[in-house]
Amino acid sequence: MSSIDSFVALQDDFEHLVRTLDMAMLIEHIRRLDSMAFARHFKGYRPQTLGRKRVGEALRFEIFQRRNETVAEILILLWNQIHRDLYQAMLALVRTIREDVENIESIEDAKANDFVDELLLRFQRQDIHACVRLNEVRFTPELIQVRFLGGVTPADAISVDSPTDV
């Protein structure tokens, strides 16, 4: 999954993600790493005069319309730095499965549910969902749907009692 795909999955929570970031630091990273994106949106403005709404709209354009991987990677990096306590807590939990977390193929639903339950004691559901998506924690799509999006999975839809003839 690319960094753009991670943000597409988090599109409904995008404003929440951006709101937590330090705007001046974000703009400085974009200036250094993607000068064209910086020139398109921020050149000629002092960072402290740009509102969060304008910066959010610029980031939304770069990620969802231009599919700018560099800007997406900057957002992931800064989000993980701001939410380092959540990132470290998730990493510690995943390491209980295997020390080398990159080689974990998937995390079984029972274990993932335990992780989410433990994290919910300290963190917001939106932030846990963002951490899972942005860092490609290997939860099943069904678990993500049920635990973070409140949706009904196809398996649940099948198991619902349907009217039968008596």
C-alpha atoms as a PDB file:
ATOM      1  CA  MET A   1       0.000   0.000   0.000  1.00  0.00           C
ATOM      2  CA  SER A   2       1.397   3.400  -0.935  1.00  0.00           C
ATOM      3  CA  SER A   3       1.271   6.443   1.300  1.00  0.00           C
ATOM      4  CA  ILE A   4      -1.393   7.918  -0.990  1.00  0.00           C
ATOM      5  CA  ASP A   5      -3.553   4.811  -0.535  1.00  0.00           C
ATOM      6  CA  SER A   6      -3.223   5.204   3.223  1.00  0.00           C
ATOM      7  CA  PHE A   7      -4.611   8.722   3.012  1.00  0.00           C
ATOM      8  CA  VAL A   8      -7.386   7.679   0.638  1.00  0.00           C
ATOM      9  CA  ALA A   9      -8.487   5.190   3.297  1.00  0.00           C
ATOM     10  CA  LEU A  10      -8.408   8.041   5.837  1.00  0.00           C
ATOM     11  CA  GLN A  11     -10.055  10.636   3.615  1.00  0.00           C
ATOM     12  CA  ASP A  12     -12.974  11.239   6.006  1.00  0.00           C
ATOM     13  CA  ASP A  13     -10.543  11.945   8.872  1.00  0.00           C
ATOM     14  CA  PHE A  14      -8.112  14.036   6.839  1.00  0.00           C
ATOM     15  CA  GLU A  15      -8.919  17.342   8.568  1.00  0.00           C
ATOM     16  CA  HIS A  16      -8.461  15.691  11.963  1.00  0.00           C
ATOM     17  CA  LEU A  17      -5.034  14.402  10.886  1.00  0.00           C
ATOM     18  CA  VAL A  18      -3.863  17.749   9.558  1.00  0.00           C
ATOM     19  CA  ARG A  19      -5.228  19.706  12.521  1.00  0.00           C
ATOM     20  CA  THR A  20      -2.798  17.986  14.894  1.00  0.00           C
ATOM     21  CA  LEU A  21       0.323  18.933  12.907  1.00  0.00           C
ATOM     22  CA  ASP A  22       2.628  21.908  13.445  1.00  0.00           C
ATOM     23  CA  MET A  23       1.897  24.037  10.360  1.00  0.00           C
ATOM     24  CA  ALA A  24       5.205  25.924  10.328  1.00  0.00           C
ATOM     25  CA  MET A  25       7.195  22.681  10.517  1.00  0.00           C
ATOM     26  CA  LEU A  26       5.009  21.103   7.846  1.00  0.00           C
ATOM     27  CA  ILE A  27       5.462  24.015   5.439  1.00  0.00           C
ATOM     28  CA  GLU A  28       9.223  24.044   6.082  1.00  0.00           C
ATOM     29  CA  HIS A  29       9.484  20.332   5.250  1.00  0.00           C
ATOM     30  CA  ILE A  30       7.508  20.863   2.044  1.00  0.00           C
ATOM     31  CA  ARG A  31       9.748  23.821   1.137  1.00  0.00           C
ATOM     32  CA  ARG A  32      12.859  21.688   1.529  1.00  0.00           C
ATOM     33  CA  LEU A  33      11.620  18.432   0.022  1.00  0.00           C
ATOM     34  CA  ASP A  34       9.122  19.464  -2.674  1.00  0.00           C
ATOM     35  CA  SER A  35       9.839  22.958  -3.926  1.00  0.00           C
ATOM     36  CA  MET A  36       7.163  22.774  -6.641  1.00  0.00           C
ATOM     37  CA  ALA A  37       4.391  22.016  -4.131  1.00  0.00           C
ATOM     38  CA  PHE A  38       5.729  24.789  -1.919  1.00  0.00           C
ATOM     39  CA  ALA A  39       5.706  27.266  -4.820  1.00  0.00           C
ATOM     40  CA  ARG A  40       2.157  26.241  -5.826  1.00  0.00           C
ATOM     41  CA  HIS A  41       0.648  26.882  -2.417  1.00  0.00           C
ATOM     42  CA  PHE A  42       2.882  28.737   0.017  1.00  0.00           C
ATOM     43  CA  LYS A  43       5.497  30.861  -1.780  1.00  0.00           C
ATOM     44  CA  GLY A  44       5.229  34.519  -0.889  1.00  0.00           C
ATOM     45  CA  TYR A  45       3.375  33.906   2.378  1.00  0.00           C
ATOM     46  CA  ARG A  46       4.701  33.847   5.889  1.00  0.00           C
ATOM     47  CA  PRO A  47       3.796  30.510   7.499  1.00  0.00           C
ATOM     48  CA  GLN A  48       2.188  32.207  10.495  1.00  0.00           C
ATOM     49  CA  THR A  49      -0.239  34.086   8.217  1.00  0.00           C
ATOM     50  CA  LEU A  50      -1.530  30.962   6.489  1.00  0.00           C
ATOM     51  CA  GLY A  51      -4.628  29.553   8.116  1.00  0.00           C
ATOM     52  CA  ARG A  52      -5.143  25.872   8.860  1.00  0.00           C
ATOM     53  CA  LYS A  53      -8.002  25.780   6.380  1.00  0.00           C
ATOM     54  CA  ARG A  54      -5.835  27.021   3.525  1.00  0.00           C
ATOM     55  CA  VAL A  55      -2.989  24.663   4.392  1.00  0.00           C
ATOM     56  CA  GLY A  56      -5.463  21.776   4.688  1.00  0.00           C
ATOM     57  CA  GLU A  57      -6.930  22.541   1.270  1.00  0.00           C
ATOM     58  CA  ALA A  58      -3.435  22.680  -0.247  1.00  0.00           C
ATOM     59  CA  LEU A  59      -2.518  19.339   1.327  1.00  0.00           C
ATOM     60  CA  ARG A  60      -5.804  17.771   0.206  1.00  0.00           C
ATOM     61  CA  PHE A  61      -5.093  18.939  -3.364  1.00  0.00           C
ATOM     62  CA  GLU A  62      -1.519  17.599  -3.311  1.00  0.00           C
ATOM     63  CA  ILE A  63      -2.475  14.200  -1.936  1.00  0.00           C
ATOM     64  CA  PHE A  64      -5.853  13.412  -3.468  1.00  0.00           C
ATOM     65  CA  GLN A  65      -5.626  15.177  -6.821  1.00  0.00           C
ATOM     66  CA  ARG A  66      -1.927  15.335  -7.670  1.00  0.00           C
ATOM     67  CA  ARG A  67      -1.183  12.108  -5.750  1.00  0.00           C
ATOM     68  CA  ASN A  68       2.019  13.679  -4.441  1.00  0.00           C
ATOM     69  CA  GLU A  69       3.916  10.904  -2.614  1.00  0.00           C
ATOM     70  CA  THR A  70       6.468  13.324  -1.175  1.00  0.00           C
ATOM     71  CA  VAL A  71       3.838  15.422   0.594  1.00  0.00           C
ATOM     72  CA  ALA A  72       2.098  12.262   1.805  1.00  0.00           C
ATOM     73  CA  GLU A  73       5.358  10.916   3.243  1.00  0.00           C
ATOM     74  CA  ILE A  74       6.011  14.244   4.987  1.00  0.00           C
ATOM     75  CA  LEU A  75       2.559  14.109   6.570  1.00  0.00           C
ATOM     76  CA  ILE A  76       3.118  10.539   7.763  1.00  0.00           C
ATOM     77  CA  LEU A  77       6.513  11.422   9.218  1.00  0.00           C
ATOM     78  CA  LEU A  78       5.196  14.476  11.066  1.00  0.00           C
ATOM     79  CA  TRP A  79       2.044  12.682  12.225  1.00  0.00           C
ATOM     80  CA  ASN A  80       4.160   9.879  13.713  1.00  0.00           C
ATOM     81  CA  GLN A  81       6.392  12.426  15.458  1.00  0.00           C
ATOM     82  CA  ILE A  82       3.442  14.296  16.976  1.00  0.00           C
ATOM     83  CA  HIS A  83       1.744  11.027  18.006  1.00  0.00           C
ATOM     84  CA  ARG A  84       4.920   9.236  19.043  1.00  0.00           C
ATOM     85  CA  ASP A  85       3.317   7.912  22.227  1.00  0.00           C
ATOM     86  CA  LEU A  86       0.622   6.121  20.210  1.00  0.00           C
ATOM     87  CA  TYR A  87       3.167   4.957  17.633  1.00  0.00           C
ATOM     88  CA  GLN A  88       5.435   3.547  20.369  1.00  0.00           C
ATOM     89  CA  ALA A  89       2.509   1.859  22.134  1.00  0.00           C
ATOM     90  CA  MET A  90       1.396   0.210  18.880  1.00  0.00           C
ATOM     91  CA  LEU A  91       4.967  -0.839  18.093  1.00  0.00           C
ATOM     92  CA  ALA A  92       5.377  -2.402  21.545  1.00  0.00           C
ATOM     93  CA  LEU A  93       2.151  -4.370  21.115  1.00  0.00           C
ATOM     94  CA  VAL A  94       3.050  -5.589  17.628  1.00  0.00           C
ATOM     95  CA  ARG A  95       6.512  -6.606  18.843  1.00  0.00           C
ATOM     96  CA  THR A  96       4.860  -9.058  21.240  1.00  0.00           C
ATOM     97  CA  ILE A  97       4.041 -11.095  18.125  1.00  0.00           C
ATOM     98  CA  ARG A  98       7.448 -10.850  16.516  1.00  0.00           C
ATOM     99  CA  GLU A  99      10.445  -8.628  17.237  1.00  0.00           C
ATOM    100  CA  ASP A 100      11.006  -7.918  13.535  1.00  0.00           C
ATOM    101  CA  VAL A 101       7.665  -6.215  12.838  1.00  0.00           C
ATOM    102  CA  GLU A 102       8.367  -5.691   9.142  1.00  0.00           C
ATOM    103  CA  ASN A 103       8.217  -9.443   8.524  1.00  0.00           C
ATOM    104  CA  ILE A 104       4.790  -9.920  10.077  1.00  0.00           C
ATOM    105  CA  GLU A 105       2.423 -11.040   7.332  1.00  0.00           C
ATOM    106  CA  SER A 106      -0.819 -10.440   9.228  1.00  0.00           C
ATOM    107  CA  ILE A 107      -2.141 -10.074  12.737  1.00  0.00           C
ATOM    108  CA  GLU A 108      -4.968 -12.391  13.675  1.00  0.00           C
ATOM    109  CA  ASP A 109      -8.236 -10.696  14.597  1.00  0.00           C
ATOM    110  CA  ALA A 110      -8.292 -11.880  18.210  1.00  0.00           C
ATOM    111  CA  LYS A 111      -4.852 -10.401  18.861  1.00  0.00           C
ATOM    112  CA  ALA A 112      -5.683  -7.228  16.919  1.00  0.00           C
ATOM    113  CA  ASN A 113      -8.878  -6.762  18.942  1.00  0.00           C
ATOM    114  CA  ASP A 114      -6.841  -7.056  22.146  1.00  0.00           C
ATOM    115  CA  PHE A 115      -4.416  -4.422  20.811  1.00  0.00           C
ATOM    116  CA  VAL A 116      -7.228  -2.030  19.912  1.00  0.00           C
ATOM    117  CA  ASP A 117      -8.957  -2.537  23.276  1.00  0.00           C
ATOM    118  CA  GLU A 118      -5.735  -1.768  25.123  1.00  0.00           C
ATOM    119  CA  LEU A 119      -4.988   1.305  23.009  1.00  0.00           C
ATOM    120  CA  LEU A 120      -8.533   2.658  23.414  1.00  0.00           C
ATOM    121  CA  LEU A 121      -7.837   3.063  27.131  1.00  0.00           C
ATOM    122  CA  ARG A 122      -5.336   5.831  26.294  1.00  0.00           C
ATOM    123  CA  PHE A 123      -5.997   7.065  22.761  1.00  0.00           C
ATOM    124  CA  GLN A 124      -8.844   8.208  20.522  1.00  0.00           C
ATOM    125  CA  ARG A 125     -10.337   5.754  18.032  1.00  0.00           C
ATOM    126  CA  GLN A 126      -9.601   8.151  15.117  1.00  0.00           C
ATOM    127  CA  ASP A 127      -5.934   8.328  16.056  1.00  0.00           C
ATOM    128  CA  ILE A 128      -5.607   4.558  16.411  1.00  0.00           C
ATOM    129  CA  HIS A 129      -7.211   4.118  12.991  1.00  0.00           C
ATOM    130  CA  ALA A 130      -4.777   6.663  11.525  1.00  0.00           C
ATOM    131  CA  CYS A 131      -1.835   4.872  13.127  1.00  0.00           C
ATOM    132  CA  VAL A 132      -2.974   1.537  11.688  1.00  0.00           C
ATOM    133  CA  ARG A 133      -3.420   2.957   8.178  1.00  0.00           C
ATOM    134  CA  LEU A 134      -0.398   5.264   8.019  1.00  0.00           C
ATOM    135  CA  ASN A 135       2.013   2.666   9.389  1.00  0.00           C
ATOM    136  CA  GLU A 136       0.479  -0.284   7.542  1.00  0.00           C
ATOM    137  CA  VAL A 137      -0.195  -2.315  10.669  1.00  0.00           C
ATOM    138  CA  ARG A 138      -1.289  -5.655   9.283  1.00  0.00           C
ATOM    139  CA  PHE A 139      -4.830  -5.878  10.637  1.00  0.00           C
ATOM    140  CA  THR A 140      -7.397  -7.552   8.414  1.00  0.00           C
ATOM    141  CA  PRO A 141      -9.647  -5.253   6.353  1.00  0.00           C
ATOM    142  CA  GLU A 142     -12.687  -6.760   8.060  1.00  0.00           C
ATOM    143  CA  LEU A 143     -11.361  -5.900  11.519  1.00  0.00           C
ATOM    144  CA  ILE A 144     -10.566  -2.348  10.424  1.00  0.00           C
ATOM    145  CA  GLN A 145     -14.068  -2.000   9.005  1.00  0.00           C
ATOM    146  CA  VAL A 146     -15.742  -3.237  12.184  1.00  0.00           C
ATOM    147  CA  ARG A 147     -13.512  -1.592  14.792  1.00  0.00           C
ATOM    148  CA  PHE A 148     -12.863   1.789  13.185  1.00  0.00           C
ATOM    149  CA  LEU A 149     -15.481   2.432  10.556  1.00  0.00           C
ATOM    150  CA  GLY A 150     -18.463   0.886  12.321  1.00  0.00           C
ATOM    151  CA  GLY A 151     -19.528  -0.908   9.186  1.00  0.00           C
ATOM    152  CA  VAL A 152     -20.952  -4.315   8.612  1.00  0.00           C
ATOM    153  CA  THR A 153     -18.618  -6.712   6.904  1.00  0.00           C
ATOM    154  CA  PRO A 154     -19.830  -9.028   4.152  1.00  0.00           C
ATOM    155  CA  ALA A 155     -19.456 -11.987   6.549  1.00  0.00           C
ATOM    156  CA  ASP A 156     -21.680 -10.249   9.118  1.00  0.00           C
ATOM    157  CA  ALA A 157     -24.287  -9.469   6.490  1.00  0.00           C
ATOM    158  CA  ILE A 158     -24.529 -13.139   5.598  1.00  0.00           C
ATOM    159  CA  SER A 159     -24.894 -14.248   9.210  1.00  0.00           C
ATOM    160  CA  VAL A 160     -27.814 -11.911   9.906  1.00  0.00           C
ATOM    161  CA  ASP A 161     -31.024 -13.863  10.462  1.00  0.00           C
ATOM    162  CA  SER A 162     -33.160 -13.601   7.402  1.00  0.00           C
ATOM    163  CA  PRO A 163     -36.865 -14.388   7.336  1.00  0.00           C
ATOM    164  CA  THR A 164     -37.532 -17.986   6.433  1.00  0.00           C
ATOM    165  CA  ASP A 165     -40.668 -19.851   5.524  1.00  0.00           C
ATOM    166  CA  VAL A 166     -42.077 -21.978   8.317  1.00  0.00           C
END
